[in-house]
Amino acid sequence: MNIRNTDSGLYELKIIRSTSSSDKIFNVTVNGVSADEQNQMKRKSAKKGESVTLESDETKNPNDVMTWYFNDTRIAEITGDQSEICTDDQCDGRFRNRLKLDHQTGSLTITDTRTTDSGLYKLQIISRDSSFSIAREKRFNATVTDVLDSGLSSGAVAGIVIAAVVFLLVAAAAGLIYCRHREYRQTPQNDKDVNNSPPNPKDIALSDTKHL
C-alpha cells in the first residue's frame, strides 16, 4: 500500500441487493510525510557500547499498532497501552535487556550497542479505525562500529600521553646530564691553560733580583 496525502477525502461504498441498497461513507485523512519520504531509509551510526535511538517522528494514537523488526524478525511491539519486547528466544538472546520503547512516540532505543546490532530495522505502523486500517513502514539502516576500528580508545590515548610525558622527562634529564658533563670537562682545561701559559717577564726579573 503506497498511500499519499492526496488520497485524503470522502470514499463512498454502495451496496446493492436484490431488494434494497445501502451506502457507506468513509472520511479518510492521511497525515504525515509523503510516500517517498516514508520509503526513504534513515541511517544511524554509533560506536560500540553507545546508545542509539531510532526515532519514529510520530505521536502514537490509541488505536495504532507499532511493530519493530530487525532483519525481518519482530523485536518489539506497542498495542494500545501494552508493549512487548523480545518475545522469542532468538530476540532475547541478541537484545536481552537492551531495548527501550517510548510509549508516546514508538521510538526504539538500543543501549550498550554491539557490532552485531548492525542491520536493517523496520517500523510498521498500523492505524486502525472501525471500518479500515492504514499501514505505513519506516526503515532504518543502523551501523555499529568497533572502537578500535573507528579510532583510538581512551586507554590507548592515555598510554600515548604517558609515553610522551616519559619521553620528555628522559630528554630533559639527558640534556641536564650533558650540560653538566660539558662544564666538568671545560673546568680542568682552563686550569691547564693557566699552568702552561708562558712566564711573565716581570715575574722572572723579580725572581732574579731576589737571588742576588
Protein backbone atom coordinates (compact mmCIF):
# COMPACT_ATOMS: atom_id res chain seq x y z
CA MET A 1 0.00 0.00 0.00
CA ASN A 2 1.51 3.29 -1.13
CA ILE A 3 -0.88 5.79 0.44
CA ARG A 4 -0.30 9.51 -0.10
CA ASN A 5 -1.53 12.78 1.37
CA THR A 6 -3.53 13.37 -1.81
CA ASP A 7 -5.59 10.26 -1.02
CA SER A 8 -7.43 12.13 1.74
CA GLY A 9 -11.15 12.65 1.14
CA LEU A 10 -14.58 11.02 1.19
CA TYR A 11 -14.99 7.45 -0.06
CA GLU A 12 -18.44 6.03 -0.70
CA LEU A 13 -19.32 2.34 -0.79
CA LYS A 14 -22.63 1.48 -2.44
CA ILE A 15 -24.12 -1.91 -1.65
CA ILE A 16 -26.93 -3.04 -3.95
CA ARG A 17 -29.04 -6.05 -3.10
CA SER A 18 -31.97 -7.52 -4.92
CA THR A 19 -34.44 -5.87 -2.61
CA SER A 20 -32.55 -2.90 -1.23
CA SER A 21 -29.43 -0.81 -1.43
CA SER A 22 -27.30 0.97 1.13
CA ASP A 23 -24.43 3.39 1.21
CA LYS A 24 -21.43 3.69 3.48
CA ILE A 25 -19.26 6.77 3.52
CA PHE A 26 -15.67 6.84 4.77
CA ASN A 27 -13.79 10.02 5.55
CA VAL A 28 -10.10 9.28 5.08
CA THR A 29 -7.43 11.66 6.31
CA VAL A 30 -3.79 10.93 5.56
CA ASN A 31 -1.38 12.74 7.84
CA GLY A 32 2.39 12.83 7.97
CA VAL A 33 5.08 12.70 5.34
CA SER A 34 4.74 11.72 1.74
CA ALA A 35 5.10 8.16 0.49
CA ASP A 36 8.55 8.89 -0.90
CA GLU A 37 9.68 10.19 2.47
CA GLN A 38 8.17 7.19 4.21
CA ASN A 39 10.12 4.80 1.99
CA GLN A 40 13.36 6.72 2.38
CA MET A 41 15.76 4.80 4.56
CA LYS A 42 17.24 6.65 7.51
CA ARG A 43 20.83 5.92 8.51
CA LYS A 44 22.03 5.69 12.07
CA SER A 45 25.55 5.07 13.34
CA ALA A 46 27.08 4.52 16.76
CA LYS A 47 30.25 3.25 18.34
CA LYS A 48 30.28 0.01 20.26
CA GLY A 49 28.90 0.50 23.76
CA GLU A 50 26.97 3.66 22.94
CA SER A 51 23.18 4.01 22.77
CA VAL A 52 21.33 4.74 19.55
CA THR A 53 17.70 5.84 19.14
CA LEU A 54 15.61 5.12 16.07
CA GLU A 55 13.10 7.98 16.04
CA SER A 56 9.65 7.28 14.67
CA ASP A 57 8.82 11.00 14.24
CA GLU A 58 5.28 10.05 15.20
CA THR A 59 2.81 10.67 18.00
CA LYS A 60 1.16 7.38 18.84
CA ASN A 61 -2.63 7.20 18.66
CA PRO A 62 -4.55 4.84 20.97
CA ASN A 63 -5.60 2.61 18.07
CA ASP A 64 -2.15 2.39 16.50
CA VAL A 65 -0.15 -0.81 16.46
CA MET A 66 3.58 -0.11 16.15
CA THR A 67 5.87 -3.07 15.46
CA TRP A 68 9.65 -3.06 15.20
CA TYR A 69 11.56 -5.62 13.11
CA PHE A 70 15.29 -6.35 12.93
CA ASN A 71 16.21 -8.14 9.69
CA ASP A 72 12.54 -9.24 9.39
CA THR A 73 12.46 -10.62 12.96
CA ARG A 74 9.95 -8.96 15.27
CA ILE A 75 11.70 -7.47 18.28
CA ALA A 76 9.15 -5.08 19.84
CA GLU A 77 5.51 -4.06 19.58
CA ILE A 78 3.18 -1.49 21.12
CA THR A 79 -0.57 -2.12 21.06
CA GLY A 80 -2.63 0.46 22.91
CA ASP A 81 -1.10 0.76 26.37
CA GLN A 82 0.58 -2.63 26.18
CA SER A 83 4.07 -3.34 24.89
CA GLU A 84 6.09 -6.45 24.19
CA ILE A 85 9.86 -6.70 23.76
CA CYS A 86 11.68 -9.80 22.54
CA THR A 87 9.03 -12.47 22.97
CA ASP A 88 11.12 -15.20 21.30
CA ASP A 89 14.42 -16.78 22.35
CA GLN A 90 16.35 -15.54 19.33
CA CYS A 91 15.50 -11.90 20.01
CA ASP A 92 16.01 -12.26 23.75
CA GLY A 93 19.45 -13.77 23.23
CA ARG A 94 20.53 -10.90 20.99
CA PHE A 95 18.93 -7.86 22.66
CA ARG A 96 18.39 -9.02 26.23
CA ASN A 97 17.58 -6.00 28.45
CA ARG A 98 18.95 -3.59 25.82
CA LEU A 99 15.77 -2.39 24.08
CA LYS A 100 13.72 0.56 25.31
CA LEU A 101 10.40 1.74 23.83
CA ASP A 102 8.98 5.24 24.00
CA HIS A 103 5.25 4.71 24.55
CA GLN A 104 4.42 8.24 23.39
CA THR A 105 6.17 8.09 20.02
CA GLY A 106 7.06 4.44 19.50
CA SER A 107 10.75 5.28 19.09
CA LEU A 108 13.18 2.46 19.83
CA THR A 109 16.43 2.87 21.77
CA ILE A 110 19.18 0.25 21.72
CA THR A 111 21.53 0.52 24.69
CA ASP A 112 25.06 -0.86 25.06
CA THR A 113 25.25 -1.45 21.31
CA ARG A 114 27.31 -4.22 19.74
CA THR A 115 28.63 -4.68 16.24
CA THR A 116 26.10 -7.49 15.77
CA ASP A 117 23.32 -4.91 16.15
CA SER A 118 24.16 -3.53 12.70
CA GLY A 119 21.47 -4.18 10.12
CA LEU A 120 18.05 -3.20 8.81
CA TYR A 121 15.38 -2.06 11.26
CA LYS A 122 11.77 -1.55 10.17
CA LEU A 123 8.92 0.15 11.97
CA GLN A 124 5.45 -0.87 10.83
CA ILE A 125 2.62 1.43 11.91
CA ILE A 126 -0.95 0.21 11.51
CA SER A 127 -3.63 2.81 12.19
CA ARG A 128 -6.99 1.16 12.73
CA ASP A 129 -10.49 2.55 12.58
CA SER A 130 -13.84 0.86 12.92
CA SER A 131 -14.03 0.13 9.21
CA PHE A 132 -10.49 0.18 7.80
CA SER A 133 -6.81 0.27 8.64
CA ILE A 134 -3.80 2.05 7.16
CA ALA A 135 -0.33 0.51 7.22
CA ARG A 136 2.89 2.50 6.95
CA GLU A 137 6.51 1.49 7.17
CA LYS A 138 9.74 3.27 8.09
CA ARG A 139 13.19 1.80 7.58
CA PHE A 140 16.48 2.42 9.36
CA ASN A 141 19.95 1.22 8.46
CA ALA A 142 21.97 1.06 11.69
CA THR A 143 25.74 0.64 11.75
CA VAL A 144 27.68 -0.06 14.96
CA THR A 145 31.46 0.17 14.64
CA ASP A 146 34.12 -1.19 16.95
CA VAL A 147 36.03 1.49 18.84
CA LEU A 148 39.35 0.11 17.60
CA ASP A 149 38.15 0.31 14.00
CA SER A 150 36.90 3.89 14.23
CA GLY A 151 39.63 5.43 16.37
CA LEU A 152 41.75 5.10 19.47
CA SER A 153 40.18 4.03 22.72
CA SER A 154 40.54 6.11 25.86
CA GLY A 155 43.07 3.59 27.19
CA ALA A 156 45.20 3.90 24.07
CA VAL A 157 45.10 7.69 24.25
CA ALA A 158 46.14 7.59 27.91
CA GLY A 159 49.03 5.27 27.03
CA ILE A 160 50.25 7.64 24.33
CA VAL A 161 50.09 10.62 26.70
CA ILE A 162 52.05 8.76 29.39
CA ALA A 163 54.67 7.67 26.86
CA ALA A 164 55.04 11.26 25.64
CA VAL A 165 55.49 12.55 29.19
CA VAL A 166 58.11 9.89 29.95
CA PHE A 167 59.95 10.74 26.73
CA LEU A 168 60.05 14.44 27.63
CA LEU A 169 61.33 13.67 31.14
CA VAL A 170 64.07 11.41 29.77
CA ALA A 171 65.05 14.03 27.18
CA ALA A 172 65.22 16.74 29.86
CA ALA A 173 67.33 14.54 32.14
CA ALA A 174 69.69 13.67 29.27
CA GLY A 175 70.08 17.35 28.41
CA LEU A 176 70.88 18.24 32.02
CA ILE A 177 73.48 15.46 32.27
CA TYR A 178 75.10 16.58 29.02
CA CYS A 179 75.37 20.20 30.17
CA ARG A 180 76.93 19.26 33.48
CA HIS A 181 79.37 16.87 31.82
CA ARG A 182 80.40 19.60 29.43
CA GLU A 183 81.02 22.05 32.28
CA TYR A 184 83.05 19.41 34.11
CA ARG A 185 85.30 18.87 31.10
CA GLN A 186 85.82 22.58 30.50
CA THR A 187 86.93 23.43 34.08
CA PRO A 188 90.23 21.37 34.18
CA GLN A 189 91.09 22.55 30.67
CA ASN A 190 91.01 26.15 31.84
CA ASP A 191 93.33 25.33 34.78
CA LYS A 192 95.72 23.56 32.44
CA ASP A 193 95.83 26.57 30.15
CA VAL A 194 96.77 28.79 33.10
CA ASN A 195 99.58 26.46 34.23
CA ASN A 196 101.03 26.11 30.73
CA SER A 197 100.96 29.82 29.89
CA PRO A 198 104.43 31.43 29.27
CA PRO A 199 106.01 33.13 32.34
CA ASN A 200 105.60 36.86 32.76
CA PRO A 201 108.97 38.67 32.20
CA LYS A 202 108.32 40.82 35.26
CA ASP A 203 107.98 37.72 37.39
CA ILE A 204 111.33 36.41 36.03
CA ALA A 205 113.13 39.70 36.76
CA LEU A 206 111.73 39.80 40.26
CA SER A 207 112.90 36.26 40.87
CA ASP A 208 116.46 37.08 39.69
CA THR A 209 116.60 40.13 41.96
CA LYS A 210 115.73 38.01 44.96
CA HIS A 211 118.56 35.60 44.19
CA LEU A 212 121.08 38.48 44.10
